[in-house]
Protein backbone atom coordinates (compact mmCIF):
# COMPACT_ATOMS: atom_id res chain seq x y z
CA MET A 1 0.08 0.11 -0.04
CA ALA A 2 0.96 3.45 -0.84
CA TYR A 3 1.37 6.56 1.65
CA LYS A 4 -1.11 8.98 1.42
CA ILE A 5 -1.02 12.07 3.75
CA THR A 6 -3.47 13.02 6.04
CA ASP A 7 -5.36 16.48 7.27
CA GLU A 8 -3.06 17.00 9.92
CA CYS A 9 -0.28 18.03 7.57
CA ILE A 10 1.21 21.35 7.99
CA ALA A 11 2.48 22.14 4.52
CA CYS A 12 6.37 22.22 6.13
CA GLY A 13 7.65 20.21 2.68
CA ALA A 14 9.92 17.95 4.96
CA CYS A 15 8.10 14.81 3.32
CA GLU A 16 8.85 16.22 0.03
CA GLY A 17 12.81 16.35 0.75
CA GLY A 18 12.77 12.95 2.27
CA CYS A 19 11.18 11.27 -0.67
CA PRO A 20 13.83 9.22 -2.59
CA VAL A 21 11.34 8.89 -5.81
CA GLU A 22 10.48 12.55 -5.76
CA CYS A 23 6.54 11.62 -5.75
CA ILE A 24 5.45 14.06 -3.22
CA THR A 25 4.42 17.37 -4.48
CA GLU A 26 2.80 20.44 -2.68
CA GLY A 27 -1.07 20.30 -3.14
CA ASP A 28 -3.69 22.56 -1.93
CA GLY A 29 -3.27 23.43 1.30
CA LYS A 30 -1.52 19.96 2.22
CA TYR A 31 1.17 18.12 0.02
CA GLU A 32 0.32 15.07 -1.97
CA ILE A 33 1.79 11.70 -2.82
CA ASN A 34 1.34 9.99 -6.09
CA ALA A 35 0.55 6.71 -5.25
CA GLU A 36 1.74 5.21 -8.56
CA GLU A 37 5.27 6.24 -8.15
CA CYS A 38 5.32 5.66 -4.32
CA ILE A 39 7.95 2.92 -2.87
CA GLU A 40 6.11 2.46 0.02
CA CYS A 41 9.94 3.27 2.12
CA GLY A 42 8.53 5.35 4.72
CA ALA A 43 10.91 8.29 4.47
CA CYS A 44 8.40 10.69 4.44
CA ALA A 45 6.51 9.36 7.39
CA ASP A 46 10.17 9.48 9.26
CA ALA A 47 10.67 12.96 8.26
CA CYS A 48 7.32 14.49 8.85
CA PRO A 49 6.79 16.32 12.46
CA VAL A 50 3.14 15.61 12.62
CA GLY A 51 2.49 12.07 11.62
CA ALA A 52 0.47 12.93 8.66
CA PRO A 53 2.04 10.81 6.26
CA VAL A 54 0.12 6.74 6.77
CA LYS A 55 -0.05 3.92 4.68
CA ASP A 56 -3.15 3.88 2.52
CA GLU A 57 -5.24 0.95 3.33
């Protein structure tokens, strides 16, 4: 399952910088993950100060 970014996102960009495949982009008020490009490594979740990226079930 790819990761998704929840509404807890504070749009700080930490997840984008931590993504090794650059599948995270700034969206409208929060960042978004391209599920088709996500390799499920968890780097975004590790970089996020508020725990917004979670596994999409």
